[in-house]
N, C-alpha and C. Protein backbone atom coordinates (compact mmCIF):
# COMPACT_ATOMS: atom_id res chain seq x y z
N MET A 1 -73.40 16.89 -53.65
CA MET A 1 -72.25 16.37 -52.94
C MET A 1 -72.30 16.91 -51.51
N PRO A 2 -72.16 16.04 -50.49
CA PRO A 2 -72.27 16.49 -49.11
C PRO A 2 -71.05 17.33 -48.71
N LYS A 3 -71.29 18.30 -47.84
CA LYS A 3 -70.19 19.13 -47.34
C LYS A 3 -69.50 18.38 -46.21
N THR A 4 -68.17 18.57 -46.15
CA THR A 4 -67.40 17.95 -45.08
C THR A 4 -66.93 19.04 -44.13
N TYR A 5 -67.17 18.85 -42.87
CA TYR A 5 -66.76 19.83 -41.88
C TYR A 5 -65.69 19.22 -40.99
N ALA A 6 -64.79 20.09 -40.50
CA ALA A 6 -63.79 19.61 -39.54
C ALA A 6 -64.50 19.23 -38.25
N LYS A 7 -64.06 18.15 -37.66
CA LYS A 7 -64.68 17.72 -36.42
C LYS A 7 -64.32 18.71 -35.32
N THR A 8 -65.30 19.04 -34.52
CA THR A 8 -65.03 19.94 -33.41
C THR A 8 -64.52 19.11 -32.24
N GLY A 9 -63.80 19.79 -31.37
CA GLY A 9 -63.30 19.11 -30.18
C GLY A 9 -62.03 18.31 -30.41
N GLN A 10 -61.49 18.30 -31.64
CA GLN A 10 -60.25 17.58 -31.86
C GLN A 10 -59.12 18.37 -31.22
N GLU A 11 -58.31 17.70 -30.42
CA GLU A 11 -57.19 18.36 -29.78
C GLU A 11 -55.90 17.84 -30.36
N LEU A 12 -54.92 18.73 -30.43
CA LEU A 12 -53.60 18.32 -30.91
C LEU A 12 -52.93 17.48 -29.84
N GLU A 13 -52.17 16.49 -30.28
CA GLU A 13 -51.38 15.69 -29.34
C GLU A 13 -50.25 16.56 -28.82
N VAL A 14 -49.98 16.47 -27.53
CA VAL A 14 -48.89 17.25 -26.94
C VAL A 14 -47.59 16.50 -27.20
N PRO A 15 -46.65 17.14 -27.91
CA PRO A 15 -45.38 16.46 -28.21
C PRO A 15 -44.57 16.18 -26.94
N LYS A 16 -43.69 15.22 -27.05
CA LYS A 16 -42.76 14.91 -25.97
C LYS A 16 -41.98 16.18 -25.64
N TYR A 17 -41.66 16.37 -24.37
CA TYR A 17 -40.92 17.53 -23.86
C TYR A 17 -41.77 18.78 -23.69
N PHE A 18 -43.02 18.78 -24.08
CA PHE A 18 -43.88 19.95 -23.95
C PHE A 18 -44.74 19.82 -22.69
N TYR A 19 -44.98 20.94 -22.03
CA TYR A 19 -45.90 20.94 -20.91
C TYR A 19 -46.43 22.36 -20.71
N GLN A 20 -47.51 22.44 -19.99
CA GLN A 20 -48.14 23.72 -19.69
C GLN A 20 -48.26 23.82 -18.17
N PRO A 21 -47.49 24.73 -17.54
CA PRO A 21 -47.58 24.85 -16.07
C PRO A 21 -49.02 25.18 -15.64
N THR A 22 -49.35 24.77 -14.45
CA THR A 22 -50.70 25.00 -13.95
C THR A 22 -51.03 26.49 -13.80
N ASN A 23 -50.00 27.31 -13.60
CA ASN A 23 -50.25 28.74 -13.40
C ASN A 23 -50.04 29.57 -14.67
N SER A 24 -50.00 28.91 -15.82
CA SER A 24 -49.74 29.63 -17.07
C SER A 24 -50.53 29.01 -18.22
N SER A 25 -50.84 29.84 -19.21
CA SER A 25 -51.49 29.31 -20.41
C SER A 25 -50.48 29.10 -21.53
N VAL A 26 -49.23 29.44 -21.28
CA VAL A 26 -48.16 29.34 -22.27
C VAL A 26 -47.53 27.95 -22.23
N TRP A 27 -47.19 27.42 -23.40
CA TRP A 27 -46.53 26.11 -23.51
C TRP A 27 -45.04 26.26 -23.27
N TYR A 28 -44.48 25.31 -22.53
CA TYR A 28 -43.06 25.29 -22.23
C TYR A 28 -42.44 24.00 -22.77
N VAL A 29 -41.11 24.04 -22.88
CA VAL A 29 -40.34 22.85 -23.25
C VAL A 29 -39.46 22.50 -22.05
N ARG A 30 -39.42 21.24 -21.71
CA ARG A 30 -38.56 20.76 -20.63
C ARG A 30 -37.77 19.57 -21.15
N LEU A 31 -36.46 19.67 -21.00
CA LEU A 31 -35.58 18.64 -21.57
C LEU A 31 -34.48 18.34 -20.56
N VAL A 32 -34.24 17.07 -20.30
CA VAL A 32 -33.16 16.63 -19.41
C VAL A 32 -32.00 16.18 -20.29
N PRO A 33 -30.75 16.54 -19.95
CA PRO A 33 -29.62 16.12 -20.79
C PRO A 33 -29.55 14.60 -20.92
N PRO A 34 -29.30 14.09 -22.13
CA PRO A 34 -29.16 12.63 -22.32
C PRO A 34 -27.98 12.10 -21.50
N LYS A 35 -28.04 10.83 -21.13
CA LYS A 35 -27.00 10.22 -20.29
C LYS A 35 -25.61 10.34 -20.89
N HIS A 36 -25.50 10.22 -22.22
CA HIS A 36 -24.17 10.25 -22.83
C HIS A 36 -23.51 11.62 -22.75
N THR A 37 -24.25 12.64 -22.29
CA THR A 37 -23.67 13.98 -22.16
C THR A 37 -23.37 14.34 -20.71
N ALA A 38 -23.64 13.41 -19.77
CA ALA A 38 -23.53 13.70 -18.34
C ALA A 38 -22.14 14.18 -17.94
N HIS A 39 -21.10 13.69 -18.59
CA HIS A 39 -19.73 14.08 -18.24
C HIS A 39 -19.40 15.52 -18.65
N ALA A 40 -20.21 16.12 -19.51
CA ALA A 40 -19.89 17.45 -20.03
C ALA A 40 -20.94 18.51 -19.72
N VAL A 41 -22.17 18.10 -19.50
CA VAL A 41 -23.26 19.06 -19.31
C VAL A 41 -23.55 19.21 -17.82
N THR A 42 -23.48 20.45 -17.34
CA THR A 42 -23.72 20.70 -15.92
C THR A 42 -25.18 21.02 -15.62
N GLU A 43 -25.94 21.39 -16.64
CA GLU A 43 -27.36 21.70 -16.44
C GLU A 43 -28.12 20.46 -16.00
N ARG A 44 -29.01 20.62 -15.04
CA ARG A 44 -29.87 19.50 -14.64
C ARG A 44 -31.01 19.32 -15.62
N GLU A 45 -31.47 20.45 -16.16
CA GLU A 45 -32.53 20.41 -17.16
C GLU A 45 -32.58 21.72 -17.91
N PHE A 46 -33.22 21.67 -19.07
CA PHE A 46 -33.45 22.85 -19.89
C PHE A 46 -34.95 23.10 -19.88
N ARG A 47 -35.33 24.30 -19.47
CA ARG A 47 -36.75 24.63 -19.40
C ARG A 47 -36.93 26.03 -19.96
N ARG A 48 -37.73 26.15 -21.02
CA ARG A 48 -37.95 27.45 -21.66
C ARG A 48 -39.39 27.58 -22.13
N SER A 49 -39.84 28.81 -22.14
CA SER A 49 -41.17 29.12 -22.66
C SER A 49 -41.12 29.23 -24.17
N THR A 50 -42.15 28.71 -24.82
CA THR A 50 -42.25 28.89 -26.27
C THR A 50 -42.83 30.26 -26.60
N GLY A 51 -43.42 30.92 -25.58
CA GLY A 51 -44.04 32.21 -25.79
C GLY A 51 -45.40 32.11 -26.46
N GLN A 52 -45.89 30.89 -26.60
CA GLN A 52 -47.16 30.66 -27.31
C GLN A 52 -48.15 29.91 -26.42
N SER A 53 -49.39 30.36 -26.42
CA SER A 53 -50.42 29.63 -25.68
C SER A 53 -51.19 28.67 -26.61
N ASP A 54 -51.06 28.88 -27.91
CA ASP A 54 -51.68 28.00 -28.91
C ASP A 54 -50.69 26.88 -29.24
N LEU A 55 -51.07 25.64 -28.99
CA LEU A 55 -50.16 24.51 -29.20
C LEU A 55 -49.69 24.42 -30.64
N LYS A 56 -50.57 24.75 -31.58
CA LYS A 56 -50.20 24.72 -32.99
C LYS A 56 -49.02 25.65 -33.28
N LEU A 57 -49.02 26.81 -32.65
CA LEU A 57 -47.94 27.78 -32.83
C LEU A 57 -46.73 27.43 -31.97
N ALA A 58 -46.98 26.80 -30.84
CA ALA A 58 -45.89 26.46 -29.92
C ALA A 58 -45.03 25.31 -30.43
N LYS A 59 -45.64 24.38 -31.20
CA LYS A 59 -44.91 23.18 -31.63
C LYS A 59 -43.65 23.49 -32.44
N PRO A 60 -43.73 24.29 -33.53
CA PRO A 60 -42.49 24.53 -34.28
C PRO A 60 -41.44 25.27 -33.47
N VAL A 61 -41.88 26.19 -32.62
CA VAL A 61 -40.93 26.94 -31.79
C VAL A 61 -40.25 25.98 -30.81
N GLY A 62 -41.05 25.19 -30.12
CA GLY A 62 -40.51 24.26 -29.13
C GLY A 62 -39.64 23.18 -29.72
N LEU A 63 -40.06 22.62 -30.86
CA LEU A 63 -39.26 21.56 -31.49
C LEU A 63 -37.91 22.10 -31.95
N THR A 64 -37.88 23.34 -32.42
CA THR A 64 -36.61 23.97 -32.80
C THR A 64 -35.73 24.13 -31.57
N MET A 65 -36.33 24.55 -30.45
CA MET A 65 -35.57 24.71 -29.21
C MET A 65 -34.98 23.37 -28.75
N VAL A 66 -35.78 22.32 -28.85
CA VAL A 66 -35.31 20.99 -28.45
C VAL A 66 -34.13 20.56 -29.33
N GLY A 67 -34.28 20.70 -30.64
CA GLY A 67 -33.22 20.30 -31.56
C GLY A 67 -31.94 21.08 -31.33
N THR A 68 -32.06 22.38 -31.15
CA THR A 68 -30.89 23.24 -30.92
C THR A 68 -30.19 22.86 -29.62
N LYS A 69 -30.97 22.62 -28.56
CA LYS A 69 -30.38 22.28 -27.26
C LYS A 69 -29.69 20.93 -27.32
N LEU A 70 -30.31 19.95 -27.97
CA LEU A 70 -29.67 18.63 -28.10
C LEU A 70 -28.37 18.73 -28.88
N GLN A 71 -28.35 19.53 -29.94
CA GLN A 71 -27.11 19.73 -30.71
C GLN A 71 -26.04 20.35 -29.82
N GLU A 72 -26.43 21.35 -29.03
CA GLU A 72 -25.48 22.02 -28.14
C GLU A 72 -24.89 21.03 -27.14
N TRP A 73 -25.74 20.21 -26.51
CA TRP A 73 -25.27 19.23 -25.55
C TRP A 73 -24.38 18.18 -26.20
N ASN A 74 -24.75 17.73 -27.39
CA ASN A 74 -23.91 16.75 -28.09
C ASN A 74 -22.54 17.33 -28.42
N ALA A 75 -22.52 18.59 -28.85
CA ALA A 75 -21.25 19.25 -29.17
C ALA A 75 -20.39 19.37 -27.92
N LEU A 76 -20.98 19.70 -26.79
CA LEU A 76 -20.24 19.79 -25.53
C LEU A 76 -19.66 18.43 -25.15
N ALA A 77 -20.47 17.40 -25.28
CA ALA A 77 -20.02 16.05 -24.92
C ALA A 77 -18.84 15.62 -25.78
N ARG A 78 -18.89 15.94 -27.08
CA ARG A 78 -17.78 15.58 -27.97
C ARG A 78 -16.53 16.41 -27.69
N ALA A 79 -16.73 17.65 -27.28
CA ALA A 79 -15.60 18.56 -27.07
C ALA A 79 -14.73 18.12 -25.90
N VAL A 80 -15.31 17.48 -24.90
CA VAL A 80 -14.51 17.08 -23.74
C VAL A 80 -13.99 15.65 -23.85
N GLN A 81 -14.35 14.96 -24.88
CA GLN A 81 -13.83 13.60 -25.09
C GLN A 81 -12.73 13.64 -26.13
N PRO A 82 -11.69 12.84 -25.90
CA PRO A 82 -10.67 12.78 -26.95
C PRO A 82 -11.27 12.17 -28.21
N THR A 83 -11.00 12.79 -29.34
CA THR A 83 -11.56 12.30 -30.58
C THR A 83 -10.58 11.35 -31.27
N ARG A 84 -11.12 10.39 -31.95
CA ARG A 84 -10.28 9.47 -32.72
C ARG A 84 -10.22 9.92 -34.18
N ALA A 85 -10.81 11.07 -34.44
CA ALA A 85 -10.84 11.57 -35.81
C ALA A 85 -9.47 12.09 -36.23
N THR A 86 -9.15 11.83 -37.49
CA THR A 86 -7.89 12.34 -38.04
C THR A 86 -8.22 13.26 -39.21
N LEU A 87 -7.37 14.26 -39.39
CA LEU A 87 -7.57 15.20 -40.48
C LEU A 87 -7.60 14.43 -41.79
N THR A 88 -8.63 14.63 -42.57
CA THR A 88 -8.86 13.84 -43.78
C THR A 88 -9.18 14.75 -44.96
N SER A 89 -8.57 14.47 -46.09
CA SER A 89 -8.93 15.17 -47.33
C SER A 89 -10.19 14.52 -47.89
N ILE A 90 -11.08 15.32 -48.42
CA ILE A 90 -12.35 14.80 -48.93
C ILE A 90 -12.14 14.24 -50.33
N THR A 91 -12.48 12.97 -50.49
CA THR A 91 -12.42 12.29 -51.78
C THR A 91 -13.80 11.67 -52.05
N ASP A 92 -13.97 11.13 -53.24
CA ASP A 92 -15.24 10.45 -53.54
C ASP A 92 -15.49 9.31 -52.56
N ASP A 93 -14.43 8.57 -52.20
CA ASP A 93 -14.60 7.46 -51.26
C ASP A 93 -15.03 7.95 -49.88
N VAL A 94 -14.45 9.05 -49.42
CA VAL A 94 -14.81 9.62 -48.12
C VAL A 94 -16.26 10.08 -48.15
N ILE A 95 -16.65 10.76 -49.22
CA ILE A 95 -18.03 11.22 -49.36
C ILE A 95 -18.99 10.04 -49.33
N ARG A 96 -18.66 9.00 -50.10
CA ARG A 96 -19.51 7.81 -50.15
C ARG A 96 -19.62 7.16 -48.77
N ASP A 97 -18.49 7.07 -48.06
CA ASP A 97 -18.49 6.43 -46.75
C ASP A 97 -19.33 7.23 -45.75
N ILE A 98 -19.14 8.54 -45.70
CA ILE A 98 -19.90 9.38 -44.78
C ILE A 98 -21.39 9.26 -45.05
N CYS A 99 -21.77 9.36 -46.31
CA CYS A 99 -23.19 9.33 -46.67
C CYS A 99 -23.82 7.96 -46.45
N SER A 100 -23.11 6.90 -46.83
CA SER A 100 -23.70 5.57 -46.67
C SER A 100 -23.82 5.20 -45.19
N GLU A 101 -22.82 5.58 -44.39
CA GLU A 101 -22.90 5.29 -42.95
C GLU A 101 -24.08 6.01 -42.32
N ARG A 102 -24.32 7.26 -42.76
CA ARG A 102 -25.44 8.02 -42.22
C ARG A 102 -26.77 7.37 -42.61
N LEU A 103 -26.85 6.98 -43.87
CA LEU A 103 -28.07 6.36 -44.36
C LEU A 103 -28.35 5.05 -43.62
N TYR A 104 -27.32 4.21 -43.45
CA TYR A 104 -27.51 2.94 -42.74
C TYR A 104 -27.84 3.16 -41.27
N SER A 105 -27.23 4.17 -40.67
CA SER A 105 -27.54 4.49 -39.28
C SER A 105 -29.00 4.87 -39.14
N TRP A 106 -29.48 5.72 -40.06
CA TRP A 106 -30.88 6.13 -40.02
C TRP A 106 -31.79 4.91 -40.23
N MET A 107 -31.43 4.04 -41.16
CA MET A 107 -32.25 2.85 -41.42
C MET A 107 -32.32 1.94 -40.19
N ARG A 108 -31.16 1.78 -39.49
CA ARG A 108 -31.16 0.96 -38.28
C ARG A 108 -32.05 1.58 -37.20
N THR A 109 -31.96 2.90 -37.05
CA THR A 109 -32.81 3.60 -36.07
C THR A 109 -34.27 3.40 -36.41
N ASP A 110 -34.58 3.54 -37.69
CA ASP A 110 -35.97 3.38 -38.14
C ASP A 110 -36.46 1.96 -37.85
N ASP A 111 -35.62 0.96 -38.14
CA ASP A 111 -35.99 -0.44 -37.87
C ASP A 111 -36.22 -0.67 -36.38
N ASP A 112 -35.32 -0.10 -35.54
CA ASP A 112 -35.46 -0.25 -34.09
C ASP A 112 -36.76 0.37 -33.61
N GLU A 113 -37.10 1.55 -34.15
CA GLU A 113 -38.32 2.22 -33.73
C GLU A 113 -39.55 1.41 -34.16
N ARG A 114 -39.49 0.80 -35.33
CA ARG A 114 -40.61 -0.04 -35.78
C ARG A 114 -40.76 -1.26 -34.88
N ALA A 115 -39.61 -1.86 -34.51
CA ALA A 115 -39.65 -3.06 -33.68
C ALA A 115 -40.21 -2.76 -32.29
N SER A 116 -39.79 -1.64 -31.70
CA SER A 116 -40.25 -1.31 -30.35
C SER A 116 -41.60 -0.60 -30.38
N GLY A 117 -41.90 0.03 -31.49
CA GLY A 117 -43.17 0.75 -31.63
C GLY A 117 -43.09 2.16 -31.06
N LEU A 118 -43.80 3.05 -31.69
CA LEU A 118 -43.86 4.43 -31.23
C LEU A 118 -45.31 4.76 -30.87
N SER A 119 -45.44 5.49 -29.79
CA SER A 119 -46.79 5.95 -29.45
C SER A 119 -47.19 7.00 -30.48
N GLU A 120 -48.46 7.33 -30.54
CA GLU A 120 -48.95 8.35 -31.46
C GLU A 120 -48.22 9.67 -31.20
N GLU A 121 -48.03 9.99 -29.93
CA GLU A 121 -47.37 11.23 -29.54
C GLU A 121 -45.91 11.24 -30.02
N GLU A 122 -45.19 10.14 -29.80
CA GLU A 122 -43.79 10.06 -30.23
C GLU A 122 -43.69 10.14 -31.75
N PHE A 123 -44.60 9.45 -32.42
CA PHE A 123 -44.59 9.46 -33.88
C PHE A 123 -44.82 10.88 -34.41
N GLN A 124 -45.79 11.58 -33.84
CA GLN A 124 -46.10 12.94 -34.28
C GLN A 124 -44.92 13.87 -34.01
N SER A 125 -44.25 13.68 -32.88
CA SER A 125 -43.09 14.49 -32.54
C SER A 125 -41.97 14.29 -33.56
N VAL A 126 -41.74 13.03 -33.94
CA VAL A 126 -40.73 12.72 -34.96
C VAL A 126 -41.11 13.34 -36.30
N GLU A 127 -42.39 13.21 -36.66
CA GLU A 127 -42.86 13.79 -37.93
C GLU A 127 -42.68 15.31 -37.96
N ASP A 128 -43.04 15.97 -36.88
CA ASP A 128 -42.90 17.43 -36.81
C ASP A 128 -41.43 17.83 -36.92
N PHE A 129 -40.57 17.11 -36.20
CA PHE A 129 -39.15 17.45 -36.24
C PHE A 129 -38.57 17.19 -37.63
N CYS A 130 -39.01 16.13 -38.29
CA CYS A 130 -38.54 15.84 -39.65
C CYS A 130 -38.96 16.92 -40.64
N ARG A 131 -40.16 17.46 -40.44
CA ARG A 131 -40.61 18.56 -41.31
C ARG A 131 -39.71 19.78 -41.15
N LEU A 132 -39.35 20.09 -39.91
CA LEU A 132 -38.45 21.22 -39.67
C LEU A 132 -37.07 20.95 -40.28
N THR A 133 -36.59 19.72 -40.13
CA THR A 133 -35.30 19.35 -40.70
C THR A 133 -35.32 19.44 -42.22
N ASP A 134 -36.41 18.97 -42.81
CA ASP A 134 -36.54 19.02 -44.26
C ASP A 134 -36.49 20.47 -44.75
N THR A 135 -37.14 21.36 -44.03
CA THR A 135 -37.11 22.78 -44.38
C THR A 135 -35.69 23.31 -44.34
N ALA A 136 -34.95 22.95 -43.30
CA ALA A 136 -33.56 23.41 -43.17
C ALA A 136 -32.71 22.88 -44.31
N MET A 137 -32.86 21.59 -44.64
CA MET A 137 -32.05 20.99 -45.68
C MET A 137 -32.36 21.60 -47.05
N ARG A 138 -33.64 21.78 -47.33
CA ARG A 138 -34.02 22.37 -48.62
C ARG A 138 -33.50 23.80 -48.73
N SER A 139 -33.56 24.53 -47.65
CA SER A 139 -33.06 25.91 -47.64
C SER A 139 -31.56 25.92 -47.91
N ALA A 140 -30.83 25.03 -47.24
CA ALA A 140 -29.37 24.97 -47.43
C ALA A 140 -29.03 24.56 -48.85
N LEU A 141 -29.80 23.63 -49.41
CA LEU A 141 -29.55 23.19 -50.79
C LEU A 141 -29.80 24.31 -51.79
N SER A 142 -30.89 25.02 -51.60
CA SER A 142 -31.25 26.03 -52.60
C SER A 142 -30.50 27.35 -52.42
N ARG A 143 -30.16 27.69 -51.17
CA ARG A 143 -29.56 29.00 -50.93
C ARG A 143 -28.09 28.92 -50.53
N GLY A 144 -27.57 27.70 -50.30
CA GLY A 144 -26.16 27.56 -49.94
C GLY A 144 -25.83 28.34 -48.68
N LYS A 145 -24.69 29.00 -48.68
CA LYS A 145 -24.22 29.73 -47.49
C LYS A 145 -25.14 30.90 -47.12
N ALA A 146 -25.99 31.34 -48.04
CA ALA A 146 -26.92 32.44 -47.75
C ALA A 146 -28.08 31.97 -46.88
N SER A 147 -28.28 30.67 -46.75
CA SER A 147 -29.37 30.13 -45.94
C SER A 147 -29.08 30.35 -44.45
N THR A 148 -30.12 30.71 -43.72
CA THR A 148 -29.95 30.86 -42.27
C THR A 148 -29.70 29.50 -41.61
N HIS A 149 -30.05 28.42 -42.30
CA HIS A 149 -29.85 27.07 -41.76
C HIS A 149 -28.46 26.51 -42.06
N TRP A 150 -27.70 27.19 -42.90
CA TRP A 150 -26.40 26.68 -43.33
C TRP A 150 -25.49 26.28 -42.16
N PRO A 151 -25.27 27.14 -41.16
CA PRO A 151 -24.34 26.76 -40.08
C PRO A 151 -24.75 25.47 -39.36
N ASN A 152 -26.04 25.30 -39.08
CA ASN A 152 -26.48 24.08 -38.39
C ASN A 152 -26.30 22.84 -39.24
N VAL A 153 -26.59 22.96 -40.53
CA VAL A 153 -26.42 21.82 -41.44
C VAL A 153 -24.95 21.41 -41.51
N VAL A 154 -24.07 22.40 -41.68
CA VAL A 154 -22.64 22.10 -41.76
C VAL A 154 -22.13 21.52 -40.45
N ASP A 155 -22.55 22.09 -39.30
CA ASP A 155 -22.12 21.56 -38.00
C ASP A 155 -22.55 20.11 -37.82
N SER A 156 -23.78 19.81 -38.21
CA SER A 156 -24.27 18.43 -38.09
C SER A 156 -23.45 17.48 -38.95
N LEU A 157 -23.13 17.91 -40.15
CA LEU A 157 -22.34 17.09 -41.06
C LEU A 157 -20.93 16.88 -40.52
N LEU A 158 -20.31 17.95 -40.01
CA LEU A 158 -18.96 17.83 -39.44
C LEU A 158 -18.96 16.93 -38.21
N ASP A 159 -20.00 17.05 -37.35
CA ASP A 159 -20.10 16.19 -36.17
C ASP A 159 -20.23 14.73 -36.56
N TRP A 160 -21.04 14.46 -37.58
CA TRP A 160 -21.21 13.07 -38.02
C TRP A 160 -19.89 12.53 -38.58
N ALA A 161 -19.17 13.34 -39.33
CA ALA A 161 -17.89 12.91 -39.89
C ALA A 161 -16.90 12.57 -38.78
N VAL A 162 -16.87 13.39 -37.71
CA VAL A 162 -15.98 13.12 -36.58
C VAL A 162 -16.34 11.78 -35.93
N ASP A 163 -17.64 11.51 -35.80
CA ASP A 163 -18.07 10.22 -35.24
C ASP A 163 -17.52 9.05 -36.05
N LEU A 164 -17.30 9.28 -37.34
CA LEU A 164 -16.78 8.22 -38.21
C LEU A 164 -15.25 8.22 -38.29
N GLY A 165 -14.62 9.19 -37.61
CA GLY A 165 -13.17 9.24 -37.61
C GLY A 165 -12.57 10.21 -38.61
N TYR A 166 -13.40 11.02 -39.26
CA TYR A 166 -12.92 12.00 -40.24
C TYR A 166 -13.01 13.41 -39.67
N GLN A 167 -11.87 14.06 -39.56
CA GLN A 167 -11.89 15.48 -39.21
C GLN A 167 -11.78 16.23 -40.53
N LEU A 168 -12.85 16.90 -40.91
CA LEU A 168 -12.91 17.58 -42.20
C LEU A 168 -12.71 19.08 -42.02
N GLU A 169 -12.16 19.70 -43.04
CA GLU A 169 -11.98 21.15 -43.06
C GLU A 169 -12.98 21.74 -44.04
N THR A 170 -13.67 22.79 -43.60
CA THR A 170 -14.62 23.45 -44.51
C THR A 170 -13.89 24.14 -45.65
N ALA A 171 -12.58 24.38 -45.48
CA ALA A 171 -11.78 25.00 -46.54
C ALA A 171 -11.33 23.99 -47.60
N ASP A 172 -11.58 22.70 -47.37
CA ASP A 172 -11.22 21.67 -48.35
C ASP A 172 -11.94 21.97 -49.66
N ALA A 173 -11.22 21.86 -50.77
CA ALA A 173 -11.80 22.18 -52.09
C ALA A 173 -13.01 21.29 -52.41
N ARG A 174 -13.07 20.10 -51.84
CA ARG A 174 -14.19 19.18 -52.11
C ARG A 174 -15.34 19.32 -51.12
N PHE A 175 -15.21 20.20 -50.12
CA PHE A 175 -16.28 20.35 -49.14
C PHE A 175 -17.62 20.71 -49.79
N PRO A 176 -17.64 21.63 -50.76
CA PRO A 176 -18.93 21.91 -51.42
C PRO A 176 -19.54 20.67 -52.09
N ASP A 177 -18.70 19.77 -52.61
CA ASP A 177 -19.22 18.53 -53.20
C ASP A 177 -19.94 17.69 -52.15
N LEU A 178 -19.35 17.62 -50.97
CA LEU A 178 -19.95 16.84 -49.89
C LEU A 178 -21.28 17.44 -49.46
N VAL A 179 -21.35 18.75 -49.36
CA VAL A 179 -22.55 19.39 -48.83
C VAL A 179 -23.61 19.66 -49.88
N LEU A 180 -23.21 20.06 -51.06
CA LEU A 180 -24.19 20.58 -52.01
C LEU A 180 -24.54 19.70 -53.20
N ARG A 181 -23.83 18.61 -53.43
CA ARG A 181 -24.23 17.75 -54.54
C ARG A 181 -25.52 17.06 -54.13
N PRO A 182 -26.65 17.40 -54.77
CA PRO A 182 -27.95 16.93 -54.28
C PRO A 182 -28.07 15.44 -53.97
N PRO A 183 -27.65 14.50 -54.84
CA PRO A 183 -27.87 13.10 -54.47
C PRO A 183 -27.12 12.72 -53.20
N ILE A 184 -25.90 13.20 -53.09
CA ILE A 184 -25.11 12.90 -51.90
C ILE A 184 -25.72 13.58 -50.69
N PHE A 185 -26.08 14.83 -50.86
CA PHE A 185 -26.63 15.61 -49.76
C PHE A 185 -27.91 14.97 -49.23
N ARG A 186 -28.78 14.56 -50.15
CA ARG A 186 -30.04 13.96 -49.72
C ARG A 186 -29.79 12.67 -48.96
N ALA A 187 -28.88 11.85 -49.45
CA ALA A 187 -28.60 10.58 -48.77
C ALA A 187 -27.97 10.82 -47.41
N CYS A 188 -27.14 11.84 -47.33
CA CYS A 188 -26.37 12.07 -46.11
C CYS A 188 -27.07 13.01 -45.15
N ALA A 189 -27.45 14.17 -45.61
CA ALA A 189 -27.86 15.23 -44.69
C ALA A 189 -29.35 15.29 -44.42
N SER A 190 -30.18 14.76 -45.29
CA SER A 190 -31.62 14.95 -45.08
C SER A 190 -32.10 14.27 -43.82
N GLN A 191 -31.37 13.29 -43.35
CA GLN A 191 -31.75 12.62 -42.09
C GLN A 191 -30.76 12.91 -40.98
N MET A 192 -29.91 13.94 -41.16
CA MET A 192 -28.85 14.22 -40.20
C MET A 192 -29.38 14.37 -38.77
N SER A 193 -30.47 14.99 -38.58
CA SER A 193 -30.96 15.24 -37.23
C SER A 193 -31.52 14.01 -36.54
N ARG A 194 -31.80 12.96 -37.32
CA ARG A 194 -32.37 11.76 -36.72
C ARG A 194 -31.43 11.15 -35.68
N GLY A 195 -30.12 11.36 -35.85
CA GLY A 195 -29.17 10.74 -34.93
C GLY A 195 -28.85 11.58 -33.72
N LEU A 196 -29.46 12.72 -33.53
CA LEU A 196 -29.15 13.59 -32.42
C LEU A 196 -29.65 13.01 -31.13
C-alpha cells in the first residue's frame, strides 16, 4: 500500500479580518463596527494582536476576539435604542416561537449565502467560527452554569429574545427549560452566533 504524505507548501487561507503588519510576524485582527451599530459605537475600528505568529494558532484566538467584539457592539447598539420587548413569562409557546424564529432566521441566512456565494476564505472563516460556537454550546449543555461559556450563551439567547419582542428573566422558573432542554437548545442556540 503506498504511503500518503502531506503536501508541502500548502498555506492556510487567511480568514477575514486577519492581517499581518509589514513590521511584525504576529497576526492581528482588524474589525470595523457594522453600520447598524454606528449610532452607539464610537470606535472607528478594533485592532488587536492575537499574540501568535503561527496562523493555525492565531485563528481560534482571533475568531474568538471577533465574535466577542461583535457581541459587545451589538449589545451597545441595542442598549441605546428603545426596545419593543415586553416582560414575558416563559411558556412552551414562547420557547417554540423563540427557537423556530432562530432556526428560520439561520436557514434564510444560509440560503442567502448560497445564492450570493461565499469565497473559500469566507467559507473557511464561517466554518472556523461555527466550530468555536459548537464548542461553547456543547460546554454549556454538558456543564450548565459551571461552563465558562455559559454567560455568552445566555446573553446571546436573551438578545435574540429581545429582538423578537420578549424580555425574559433568567429567574423565570422555565428559563432552564429554554436553555438546557437539548432538542430546544440545539434548534435555538446551536446557531445563535450566526446572526451576530
